[in-house]
Amino acid sequence: MSDLTINVEFSGGMELLFNNVRQHKIILPAKSDASQPATLRDLIFHIRDTMMTEKKDLFVEKDTVRPGILVLINNVDWELCDEIEYQLEDKDEIVFISTLHGG
């Protein structure tokens, strides 16, 4: 089974959940446990389960990112790319931007 290299960036305050590191290179299996192509959902769960130690609810709500987080897939709004079901490809660039700010 081959792996995918996914470039992930957190912005708009999201980086605070990841030790103030904005850019990450994530290696993910090309196939999910069910032998299906890896999706954005798999990436989000991987981030939640392996990169976060606290405040996971500020990133994930139920089975997707929380409302108020803009997701870009290769600089395109994820709503134009099948959202959570988007099938990841090697070298994809995924950006998570928080649009919620304190006042």
PDB file of N, CA and C in Angstrom:
ATOM      1  N   MET A   1       0.842  -1.172   0.000  1.00  0.00           N
ATOM      2  CA  MET A   1       0.000   0.000   0.000  1.00  0.00           C
ATOM      3  C   MET A   1       0.889   1.237   0.000  1.00  0.00           C
ATOM      4  N   SER A   2       0.562   2.185  -0.841  1.00  0.00           N
ATOM      5  CA  SER A   2       1.367   3.403  -0.914  1.00  0.00           C
ATOM      6  C   SER A   2       0.818   4.465   0.030  1.00  0.00           C
ATOM      7  N   ASP A   3       1.617   5.485   0.212  1.00  0.00           N
ATOM      8  CA  ASP A   3       1.238   6.582   1.094  1.00  0.00           C
ATOM      9  C   ASP A   3       1.069   7.860   0.292  1.00  0.00           C
ATOM     10  N   LEU A   4       0.315   8.787   0.868  1.00  0.00           N
ATOM     11  CA  LEU A   4       0.139  10.114   0.312  1.00  0.00           C
ATOM     12  C   LEU A   4       0.872  11.119   1.198  1.00  0.00           C
ATOM     13  N   THR A   5       1.491  12.097   0.581  1.00  0.00           N
ATOM     14  CA  THR A   5       2.069  13.207   1.328  1.00  0.00           C
ATOM     15  C   THR A   5       1.140  14.394   1.150  1.00  0.00           C
ATOM     16  N   ILE A   6       0.568  14.840   2.257  1.00  0.00           N
ATOM     17  CA  ILE A   6      -0.397  15.935   2.235  1.00  0.00           C
ATOM     18  C   ILE A   6       0.202  17.131   2.973  1.00  0.00           C
ATOM     19  N   ASN A   7       0.211  18.281   2.331  1.00  0.00           N
ATOM     20  CA  ASN A   7       0.683  19.519   2.957  1.00  0.00           C
ATOM     21  C   ASN A   7      -0.514  20.195   3.608  1.00  0.00           C
ATOM     22  N   VAL A   8      -0.419  20.401   4.912  1.00  0.00           N
ATOM     23  CA  VAL A   8      -1.516  20.977   5.680  1.00  0.00           C
ATOM     24  C   VAL A   8      -1.053  22.276   6.318  1.00  0.00           C
ATOM     25  N   GLU A   9      -1.923  23.276   6.263  1.00  0.00           N
ATOM     26  CA  GLU A   9      -1.619  24.556   6.897  1.00  0.00           C
ATOM     27  C   GLU A   9      -2.795  24.982   7.769  1.00  0.00           C
ATOM     28  N   PHE A  10      -2.479  25.537   8.943  1.00  0.00           N
ATOM     29  CA  PHE A  10      -3.483  26.060   9.862  1.00  0.00           C
ATOM     30  C   PHE A  10      -3.272  27.565   9.973  1.00  0.00           C
ATOM     31  N   SER A  11      -4.372  28.334   9.894  1.00  0.00           N
ATOM     32  CA  SER A  11      -4.259  29.788   9.898  1.00  0.00           C
ATOM     33  C   SER A  11      -5.441  30.402  10.639  1.00  0.00           C
ATOM     34  N   GLY A  12      -5.394  31.707  10.836  1.00  0.00           N
ATOM     35  CA  GLY A  12      -6.478  32.421  11.481  1.00  0.00           C
ATOM     36  C   GLY A  12      -6.654  32.081  12.950  1.00  0.00           C
ATOM     37  N   GLY A  13      -5.582  31.617  13.570  1.00  0.00           N
ATOM     38  CA  GLY A  13      -5.639  31.217  14.974  1.00  0.00           C
ATOM     39  C   GLY A  13      -5.657  29.719  15.168  1.00  0.00           C
ATOM     40  N   MET A  14      -5.940  28.962  14.116  1.00  0.00           N
ATOM     41  CA  MET A  14      -5.953  27.492  14.210  1.00  0.00           C
ATOM     42  C   MET A  14      -4.590  26.942  14.634  1.00  0.00           C
ATOM     43  N   GLU A  15      -3.520  27.645  14.240  1.00  0.00           N
ATOM     44  CA  GLU A  15      -2.171  27.160  14.550  1.00  0.00           C
ATOM     45  C   GLU A  15      -1.934  27.072  16.060  1.00  0.00           C
ATOM     46  N   LEU A  16      -2.699  27.822  16.847  1.00  0.00           N
ATOM     47  CA  LEU A  16      -2.556  27.763  18.303  1.00  0.00           C
ATOM     48  C   LEU A  16      -2.894  26.374  18.848  1.00  0.00           C
ATOM     49  N   LEU A  17      -3.714  25.634  18.121  1.00  0.00           N
ATOM     50  CA  LEU A  17      -4.068  24.272  18.540  1.00  0.00           C
ATOM     51  C   LEU A  17      -2.964  23.268  18.206  1.00  0.00           C
ATOM     52  N   PHE A  18      -1.960  23.724  17.454  1.00  0.00           N
ATOM     53  CA  PHE A  18      -0.892  22.842  16.974  1.00  0.00           C
ATOM     54  C   PHE A  18       0.479  23.424  17.312  1.00  0.00           C
ATOM     55  N   ASN A  19       0.642  23.833  18.545  1.00  0.00           N
ATOM     56  CA  ASN A  19       1.907  24.362  19.064  1.00  0.00           C
ATOM     57  C   ASN A  19       2.455  25.518  18.240  1.00  0.00           C
ATOM     58  N   ASN A  20       1.570  26.348  17.716  1.00  0.00           N
ATOM     59  CA  ASN A  20       1.942  27.510  16.906  1.00  0.00           C
ATOM     60  C   ASN A  20       2.706  27.139  15.636  1.00  0.00           C
ATOM     61  N   VAL A  21       2.547  25.922  15.175  1.00  0.00           N
ATOM     62  CA  VAL A  21       3.166  25.488  13.922  1.00  0.00           C
ATOM     63  C   VAL A  21       2.090  25.554  12.843  1.00  0.00           C
ATOM     64  N   ARG A  22       2.331  26.382  11.843  1.00  0.00           N
ATOM     65  CA  ARG A  22       1.329  26.583  10.792  1.00  0.00           C
ATOM     66  C   ARG A  22       1.350  25.499   9.727  1.00  0.00           C
ATOM     67  N   GLN A  23       2.534  25.067   9.328  1.00  0.00           N
ATOM     68  CA  GLN A  23       2.621  24.136   8.201  1.00  0.00           C
ATOM     69  C   GLN A  23       3.094  22.769   8.668  1.00  0.00           C
ATOM     70  N   HIS A  24       2.418  21.753   8.138  1.00  0.00           N
ATOM     71  CA  HIS A  24       2.731  20.366   8.479  1.00  0.00           C
ATOM     72  C   HIS A  24       2.734  19.532   7.208  1.00  0.00           C
ATOM     73  N   LYS A  25       3.601  18.561   7.168  1.00  0.00           N
ATOM     74  CA  LYS A  25       3.624  17.585   6.085  1.00  0.00           C
ATOM     75  C   LYS A  25       3.155  16.279   6.703  1.00  0.00           C
ATOM     76  N   ILE A  26       2.021  15.769   6.244  1.00  0.00           N
ATOM     77  CA  ILE A  26       1.414  14.586   6.834  1.00  0.00           C
ATOM     78  C   ILE A  26       1.482  13.433   5.842  1.00  0.00           C
ATOM     79  N   ILE A  27       1.954  12.300   6.335  1.00  0.00           N
ATOM     80  CA  ILE A  27       1.987  11.076   5.532  1.00  0.00           C
ATOM     81  C   ILE A  27       0.764  10.259   5.936  1.00  0.00           C
ATOM     82  N   LEU A  28      -0.045   9.908   4.952  1.00  0.00           N
ATOM     83  CA  LEU A  28      -1.301   9.216   5.200  1.00  0.00           C
ATOM     84  C   LEU A  28      -1.399   8.036   4.239  1.00  0.00           C
ATOM     85  N   PRO A  29      -1.908   6.892   4.691  1.00  0.00           N
ATOM     86  CA  PRO A  29      -2.100   5.777   3.763  1.00  0.00           C
ATOM     87  C   PRO A  29      -3.042   6.179   2.622  1.00  0.00           C
ATOM     88  N   ALA A  30      -2.740   5.730   1.415  1.00  0.00           N
ATOM     89  CA  ALA A  30      -3.563   6.069   0.251  1.00  0.00           C
ATOM     90  C   ALA A  30      -4.937   5.424   0.323  1.00  0.00           C
ATOM     91  N   LYS A  31      -5.064   4.364   1.101  1.00  0.00           N
ATOM     92  CA  LYS A  31      -6.344   3.669   1.263  1.00  0.00           C
ATOM     93  C   LYS A  31      -6.744   3.694   2.726  1.00  0.00           C
ATOM     94  N   SER A  32      -8.040   3.819   2.975  1.00  0.00           N
ATOM     95  CA  SER A  32      -8.555   3.792   4.349  1.00  0.00           C
ATOM     96  C   SER A  32      -8.587   2.350   4.838  1.00  0.00           C
ATOM     97  N   ASP A  33      -9.017   2.154   6.079  1.00  0.00           N
ATOM     98  CA  ASP A  33      -9.116   0.803   6.641  1.00  0.00           C
ATOM     99  C   ASP A  33     -10.043  -0.085   5.824  1.00  0.00           C
ATOM    100  N   ALA A  34     -11.024   0.503   5.174  1.00  0.00           N
ATOM    101  CA  ALA A  34     -11.987  -0.255   4.370  1.00  0.00           C
ATOM    102  C   ALA A  34     -11.508  -0.411   2.919  1.00  0.00           C
ATOM    103  N   SER A  35     -10.219  -0.159   2.675  1.00  0.00           N
ATOM    104  CA  SER A  35      -9.611  -0.258   1.343  1.00  0.00           C
ATOM    105  C   SER A  35     -10.219   0.691   0.325  1.00  0.00           C
ATOM    106  N   GLN A  36     -10.797   1.771   0.809  1.00  0.00           N
ATOM    107  CA  GLN A  36     -11.320   2.822  -0.054  1.00  0.00           C
ATOM    108  C   GLN A  36     -10.265   3.922  -0.162  1.00  0.00           C
ATOM    109  N   PRO A  37     -10.281   4.715  -1.234  1.00  0.00           N
ATOM    110  CA  PRO A  37      -9.334   5.825  -1.326  1.00  0.00           C
ATOM    111  C   PRO A  37      -9.469   6.752  -0.118  1.00  0.00           C
ATOM    112  N   ALA A  38      -8.344   7.242   0.375  1.00  0.00           N
ATOM    113  CA  ALA A  38      -8.353   8.140   1.530  1.00  0.00           C
ATOM    114  C   ALA A  38      -9.085   9.436   1.181  1.00  0.00           C
ATOM    115  N   THR A  39      -9.895   9.901   2.130  1.00  0.00           N
ATOM    116  CA  THR A  39     -10.677  11.114   1.924  1.00  0.00           C
ATOM    117  C   THR A  39     -10.250  12.197   2.906  1.00  0.00           C
ATOM    118  N   LEU A  40     -10.810  13.379   2.705  1.00  0.00           N
ATOM    119  CA  LEU A  40     -10.547  14.470   3.633  1.00  0.00           C
ATOM    120  C   LEU A  40     -10.998  14.090   5.042  1.00  0.00           C
ATOM    121  N   ARG A  41     -12.053  13.304   5.165  1.00  0.00           N
ATOM    122  CA  ARG A  41     -12.502  12.828   6.476  1.00  0.00           C
ATOM    123  C   ARG A  41     -11.373  12.048   7.163  1.00  0.00           C
ATOM    124  N   ASP A  42     -10.705  11.168   6.425  1.00  0.00           N
ATOM    125  CA  ASP A  42      -9.596  10.393   6.997  1.00  0.00           C
ATOM    126  C   ASP A  42      -8.495  11.326   7.493  1.00  0.00           C
ATOM    127  N   LEU A  43      -8.205  12.361   6.726  1.00  0.00           N
ATOM    128  CA  LEU A  43      -7.174  13.323   7.130  1.00  0.00           C
ATOM    129  C   LEU A  43      -7.584  14.068   8.397  1.00  0.00           C
ATOM    130  N   ILE A  44      -8.826  14.518   8.451  1.00  0.00           N
ATOM    131  CA  ILE A  44      -9.310  15.245   9.626  1.00  0.00           C
ATOM    132  C   ILE A  44      -9.239  14.363  10.867  1.00  0.00           C
ATOM    133  N   PHE A  45      -9.654  13.112  10.750  1.00  0.00           N
ATOM    134  CA  PHE A  45      -9.574  12.194  11.899  1.00  0.00           C
ATOM    135  C   PHE A  45      -8.129  11.930  12.289  1.00  0.00           C
ATOM    136  N   HIS A  46      -7.243  11.808  11.306  1.00  0.00           N
ATOM    137  CA  HIS A  46      -5.827  11.598  11.585  1.00  0.00           C
ATOM    138  C   HIS A  46      -5.264  12.795  12.357  1.00  0.00           C
ATOM    139  N   ILE A  47      -5.589  14.000  11.908  1.00  0.00           N
ATOM    140  CA  ILE A  47      -5.129  15.204  12.606  1.00  0.00           C
ATOM    141  C   ILE A  47      -5.659  15.211  14.031  1.00  0.00           C
ATOM    142  N   ARG A  48      -6.948  14.969  14.179  1.00  0.00           N
ATOM    143  CA  ARG A  48      -7.562  14.974  15.513  1.00  0.00           C
ATOM    144  C   ARG A  48      -6.931  13.925  16.428  1.00  0.00           C
ATOM    145  N   ASP A  49      -6.724  12.725  15.907  1.00  0.00           N
ATOM    146  CA  ASP A  49      -6.285  11.607  16.739  1.00  0.00           C
ATOM    147  C   ASP A  49      -4.780  11.566  16.998  1.00  0.00           C
ATOM    148  N   THR A  50      -3.979  12.146  16.115  1.00  0.00           N
ATOM    149  CA  THR A  50      -2.530  12.017  16.275  1.00  0.00           C
ATOM    150  C   THR A  50      -1.801  13.328  16.543  1.00  0.00           C
ATOM    151  N   MET A  51      -2.408  14.449  16.206  1.00  0.00           N
ATOM    152  CA  MET A  51      -1.702  15.723  16.339  1.00  0.00           C
ATOM    153  C   MET A  51      -2.226  16.594  17.470  1.00  0.00           C
ATOM    154  N   MET A  52      -3.412  16.295  17.950  1.00  0.00           N
ATOM    155  CA  MET A  52      -4.031  17.139  18.977  1.00  0.00           C
ATOM    156  C   MET A  52      -4.041  16.418  20.317  1.00  0.00           C
ATOM    157  N   THR A  53      -3.716  17.142  21.372  1.00  0.00           N
ATOM    158  CA  THR A  53      -3.754  16.546  22.700  1.00  0.00           C
ATOM    159  C   THR A  53      -4.878  17.133  23.543  1.00  0.00           C
ATOM    160  N   GLU A  54      -5.349  18.318  23.164  1.00  0.00           N
ATOM    161  CA  GLU A  54      -6.437  18.945  23.920  1.00  0.00           C
ATOM    162  C   GLU A  54      -7.238  19.852  23.005  1.00  0.00           C
ATOM    163  N   LYS A  55      -8.394  20.261  23.481  1.00  0.00           N
ATOM    164  CA  LYS A  55      -9.277  21.183  22.759  1.00  0.00           C
ATOM    165  C   LYS A  55      -9.660  20.671  21.377  1.00  0.00           C
ATOM    166  N   LYS A  56      -9.822  19.356  21.257  1.00  0.00           N
ATOM    167  CA  LYS A  56     -10.194  18.773  19.967  1.00  0.00           C
ATOM    168  C   LYS A  56     -11.527  19.308  19.463  1.00  0.00           C
ATOM    169  N   ASP A  57     -12.393  19.708  20.405  1.00  0.00           N
ATOM    170  CA  ASP A  57     -13.701  20.230  20.024  1.00  0.00           C
ATOM    171  C   ASP A  57     -13.609  21.584  19.314  1.00  0.00           C
ATOM    172  N   LEU A  58     -12.462  22.245  19.378  1.00  0.00           N
ATOM    173  CA  LEU A  58     -12.291  23.502  18.654  1.00  0.00           C
ATOM    174  C   LEU A  58     -11.950  23.266  17.177  1.00  0.00           C
ATOM    175  N   PHE A  59     -11.664  22.017  16.828  1.00  0.00           N
ATOM    176  CA  PHE A  59     -11.338  21.666  15.446  1.00  0.00           C
ATOM    177  C   PHE A  59     -12.419  20.775  14.822  1.00  0.00           C
ATOM    178  N   VAL A  60     -12.861  19.768  15.572  1.00  0.00           N
ATOM    179  CA  VAL A  60     -13.804  18.789  15.032  1.00  0.00           C
ATOM    180  C   VAL A  60     -15.103  18.814  15.825  1.00  0.00           C
ATOM    181  N   GLU A  61     -16.198  18.755  15.100  1.00  0.00           N
ATOM    182  CA  GLU A  61     -17.512  18.620  15.713  1.00  0.00           C
ATOM    183  C   GLU A  61     -18.231  17.506  14.968  1.00  0.00           C
ATOM    184  N   LYS A  62     -18.617  16.474  15.701  1.00  0.00           N
ATOM    185  CA  LYS A  62     -19.203  15.258  15.125  1.00  0.00           C
ATOM    186  C   LYS A  62     -18.185  14.656  14.167  1.00  0.00           C
ATOM    187  N   ASP A  63     -18.520  14.521  12.898  1.00  0.00           N
ATOM    188  CA  ASP A  63     -17.610  13.868  11.952  1.00  0.00           C
ATOM    189  C   ASP A  63     -16.984  14.825  10.946  1.00  0.00           C
ATOM    190  N   THR A  64     -16.925  16.112  11.273  1.00  0.00           N
ATOM    191  CA  THR A  64     -16.375  17.083  10.331  1.00  0.00           C
ATOM    192  C   THR A  64     -15.741  18.242  11.103  1.00  0.00           C
ATOM    193  N   VAL A  65     -15.183  19.197  10.380  1.00  0.00           N
ATOM    194  CA  VAL A  65     -14.634  20.368  11.073  1.00  0.00           C
ATOM    195  C   VAL A  65     -15.788  21.213  11.589  1.00  0.00           C
ATOM    196  N   ARG A  66     -15.525  21.941  12.654  1.00  0.00           N
ATOM    197  CA  ARG A  66     -16.592  22.769  13.239  1.00  0.00           C
ATOM    198  C   ARG A  66     -16.976  23.902  12.302  1.00  0.00           C
ATOM    199  N   PRO A  67     -18.200  24.364  12.464  1.00  0.00           N
ATOM    200  CA  PRO A  67     -18.600  25.551  11.703  1.00  0.00           C
ATOM    201  C   PRO A  67     -17.669  26.714  12.061  1.00  0.00           C
ATOM    202  N   GLY A  68     -17.389  27.550  11.084  1.00  0.00           N
ATOM    203  CA  GLY A  68     -16.494  28.681  11.312  1.00  0.00           C
ATOM    204  C   GLY A  68     -15.072  28.401  10.881  1.00  0.00           C
ATOM    205  N   ILE A  69     -14.822  27.196  10.374  1.00  0.00           N
ATOM    206  CA  ILE A  69     -13.496  26.877   9.838  1.00  0.00           C
ATOM    207  C   ILE A  69     -13.625  26.735   8.329  1.00  0.00           C
ATOM    208  N   LEU A  70     -12.925  27.596   7.620  1.00  0.00           N
ATOM    209  CA  LEU A  70     -12.894  27.542   6.166  1.00  0.00           C
ATOM    210  C   LEU A  70     -11.848  26.508   5.758  1.00  0.00           C
ATOM    211  N   VAL A  71     -12.214  25.635   4.838  1.00  0.00           N
ATOM    212  CA  VAL A  71     -11.290  24.601   4.369  1.00  0.00           C
ATOM    213  C   VAL A  71     -11.042  24.820   2.879  1.00  0.00           C
ATOM    214  N   LEU A  72      -9.764  24.910   2.536  1.00  0.00           N
ATOM    215  CA  LEU A  72      -9.370  25.039   1.135  1.00  0.00           C
ATOM    216  C   LEU A  72      -8.624  23.791   0.706  1.00  0.00           C
ATOM    217  N   ILE A  73      -8.985  23.278  -0.454  1.00  0.00           N
ATOM    218  CA  ILE A  73      -8.303  22.131  -1.045  1.00  0.00           C
ATOM    219  C   ILE A  73      -7.614  22.639  -2.304  1.00  0.00           C
ATOM    220  N   ASN A  74      -6.302  22.668  -2.275  1.00  0.00           N
ATOM    221  CA  ASN A  74      -5.530  23.204  -3.404  1.00  0.00           C
ATOM    222  C   ASN A  74      -6.059  24.586  -3.816  1.00  0.00           C
ATOM    223  N   ASN A  75      -6.275  25.454  -2.806  1.00  0.00           N
ATOM    224  CA  ASN A  75      -6.726  26.833  -2.980  1.00  0.00           C
ATOM    225  C   ASN A  75      -8.152  26.979  -3.493  1.00  0.00           C
ATOM    226  N   VAL A  76      -8.962  25.928  -3.362  1.00  0.00           N
ATOM    227  CA  VAL A  76     -10.366  25.966  -3.775  1.00  0.00           C
ATOM    228  C   VAL A  76     -11.229  25.626  -2.557  1.00  0.00           C
ATOM    229  N   ASP A  77     -12.314  26.380  -2.365  1.00  0.00           N
ATOM    230  CA  ASP A  77     -13.236  26.121  -1.262  1.00  0.00           C
ATOM    231  C   ASP A  77     -13.712  24.669  -1.334  1.00  0.00           C
ATOM    232  N   TRP A  78     -13.655  23.985  -0.198  1.00  0.00           N
ATOM    233  CA  TRP A  78     -13.997  22.562  -0.190  1.00  0.00           C
ATOM    234  C   TRP A  78     -15.440  22.295  -0.591  1.00  0.00           C
ATOM    235  N   GLU A  79     -16.308  23.293  -0.504  1.00  0.00           N
ATOM    236  CA  GLU A  79     -17.703  23.110  -0.918  1.00  0.00           C
ATOM    237  C   GLU A  79     -17.804  22.835  -2.415  1.00  0.00           C
ATOM    238  N   LEU A  80     -16.774  23.187  -3.165  1.00  0.00           N
ATOM    239  CA  LEU A  80     -16.737  22.913  -4.601  1.00  0.00           C
ATOM    240  C   LEU A  80     -16.030  21.600  -4.919  1.00  0.00           C
ATOM    241  N   CYS A  81     -15.547  20.906  -3.869  1.00  0.00           N
ATOM    242  CA  CYS A  81     -14.719  19.706  -4.058  1.00  0.00           C
ATOM    243  C   CYS A  81     -15.241  18.495  -3.268  1.00  0.00           C
ATOM    244  N   ASP A  82     -16.530  18.357  -3.100  1.00  0.00           N
ATOM    245  CA  ASP A  82     -17.126  17.221  -2.377  1.00  0.00           C
ATOM    246  C   ASP A  82     -16.890  17.259  -0.872  1.00  0.00           C
ATOM    247  N   GLU A  83     -16.446  18.395  -0.347  1.00  0.00           N
ATOM    248  CA  GLU A  83     -16.244  18.586   1.086  1.00  0.00           C
ATOM    249  C   GLU A  83     -15.512  17.398   1.715  1.00  0.00           C
ATOM    250  N   ILE A  84     -16.100  16.808   2.741  1.00  0.00           N
ATOM    251  CA  ILE A  84     -15.444  15.770   3.541  1.00  0.00           C
ATOM    252  C   ILE A  84     -15.170  14.489   2.746  1.00  0.00           C
ATOM    253  N   GLU A  85     -15.900  14.284   1.651  1.00  0.00           N
ATOM    254  CA  GLU A  85     -15.739  13.076   0.831  1.00  0.00           C
ATOM    255  C   GLU A  85     -14.667  13.230  -0.247  1.00  0.00           C
ATOM    256  N   TYR A  86     -14.027  14.381  -0.320  1.00  0.00           N
ATOM    257  CA  TYR A  86     -12.982  14.606  -1.317  1.00  0.00           C
ATOM    258  C   TYR A  86     -11.911  13.530  -1.199  1.00  0.00           C
ATOM    259  N   GLN A  87     -11.584  12.884  -2.315  1.00  0.00           N
ATOM    260  CA  GLN A  87     -10.545  11.859  -2.315  1.00  0.00           C
ATOM    261  C   GLN A  87      -9.184  12.518  -2.443  1.00  0.00           C
ATOM    262  N   LEU A  88      -8.377  12.301  -1.423  1.00  0.00           N
ATOM    263  CA  LEU A  88      -7.052  12.920  -1.373  1.00  0.00           C
ATOM    264  C   LEU A  88      -6.140  12.393  -2.465  1.00  0.00           C
ATOM    265  N   GLU A  89      -5.262  13.265  -2.934  1.00  0.00           N
ATOM    266  CA  GLU A  89      -4.247  12.896  -3.915  1.00  0.00           C
ATOM    267  C   GLU A  89      -2.893  13.306  -3.363  1.00  0.00           C
ATOM    268  N   ASP A  90      -1.860  12.602  -3.789  1.00  0.00           N
ATOM    269  CA  ASP A  90      -0.510  12.915  -3.333  1.00  0.00           C
ATOM    270  C   ASP A  90      -0.183  14.374  -3.631  1.00  0.00           C
ATOM    271  N   LYS A  91       0.418  15.033  -2.660  1.00  0.00           N
ATOM    272  CA  LYS A  91       0.856  16.431  -2.758  1.00  0.00           C
ATOM    273  C   LYS A  91      -0.290  17.443  -2.668  1.00  0.00           C
ATOM    274  N   ASP A  92      -1.484  17.011  -2.274  1.00  0.00           N
ATOM    275  CA  ASP A  92      -2.568  17.965  -2.050  1.00  0.00           C
ATOM    276  C   ASP A  92      -2.158  18.969  -0.985  1.00  0.00           C
ATOM    277  N   GLU A  93      -2.715  20.181  -1.094  1.00  0.00           N
ATOM    278  CA  GLU A  93      -2.515  21.216  -0.085  1.00  0.00           C
ATOM    279  C   GLU A  93      -3.868  21.524   0.542  1.00  0.00           C
ATOM    280  N   ILE A  94      -3.973  21.282   1.838  1.00  0.00           N
ATOM    281  CA  ILE A  94      -5.210  21.496   2.574  1.00  0.00           C
ATOM    282  C   ILE A  94      -4.958  22.595   3.598  1.00  0.00           C
ATOM    283  N   VAL A  95      -5.789  23.629   3.574  1.00  0.00           N
ATOM    284  CA  VAL A  95      -5.640  24.757   4.495  1.00  0.00           C
ATOM    285  C   VAL A  95      -6.908  24.869   5.338  1.00  0.00           C
ATOM    286  N   PHE A  96      -6.706  24.985   6.647  1.00  0.00           N
ATOM    287  CA  PHE A  96      -7.805  25.189   7.587  1.00  0.00           C
ATOM    288  C   PHE A  96      -7.645  26.594   8.158  1.00  0.00           C
ATOM    289  N   ILE A  97      -8.667  27.439   7.973  1.00  0.00           N
ATOM    290  CA  ILE A  97      -8.611  28.833   8.433  1.00  0.00           C
ATOM    291  C   ILE A  97      -9.794  29.094   9.357  1.00  0.00           C
ATOM    292  N   SER A  98      -9.498  29.497  10.580  1.00  0.00           N
ATOM    293  CA  SER A  98     -10.563  29.866  11.496  1.00  0.00           C
ATOM    294  C   SER A  98     -11.096  31.238  11.113  1.00  0.00           C
ATOM    295  N   THR A  99     -12.419  31.331  11.012  1.00  0.00           N
ATOM    296  CA  THR A  99     -13.037  32.626  10.738  1.00  0.00           C
ATOM    297  C   THR A  99     -13.657  33.203  11.999  1.00  0.00           C
ATOM    298  N   LEU A 100     -13.469  32.515  13.132  1.00  0.00           N
ATOM    299  CA  LEU A 100     -14.009  32.970  14.411  1.00  0.00           C
ATOM    300  C   LEU A 100     -12.913  33.628  15.213  1.00  0.00           C
ATOM    301  N   HIS A 101     -13.156  34.822  15.683  1.00  0.00           N
ATOM    302  CA  HIS A 101     -12.160  35.548  16.449  1.00  0.00           C
ATOM    303  C   HIS A 101     -12.822  36.176  17.660  1.00  0.00           C
ATOM    304  N   GLY A 102     -12.074  36.270  18.734  1.00  0.00           N
ATOM    305  CA  GLY A 102     -12.593  36.911  19.938  1.00  0.00           C
ATOM    306  C   GLY A 102     -12.726  38.418  19.737  1.00  0.00           C
ATOM    307  N   GLY A 103     -13.507  39.018  20.601  1.00  0.00           N
ATOM    308  CA  GLY A 103     -13.708  40.444  20.403  1.00  0.00           C
ATOM    309  C   GLY A 103     -13.484  41.223  21.657  1.00  0.00           C
TER     310      GLY A 103
END
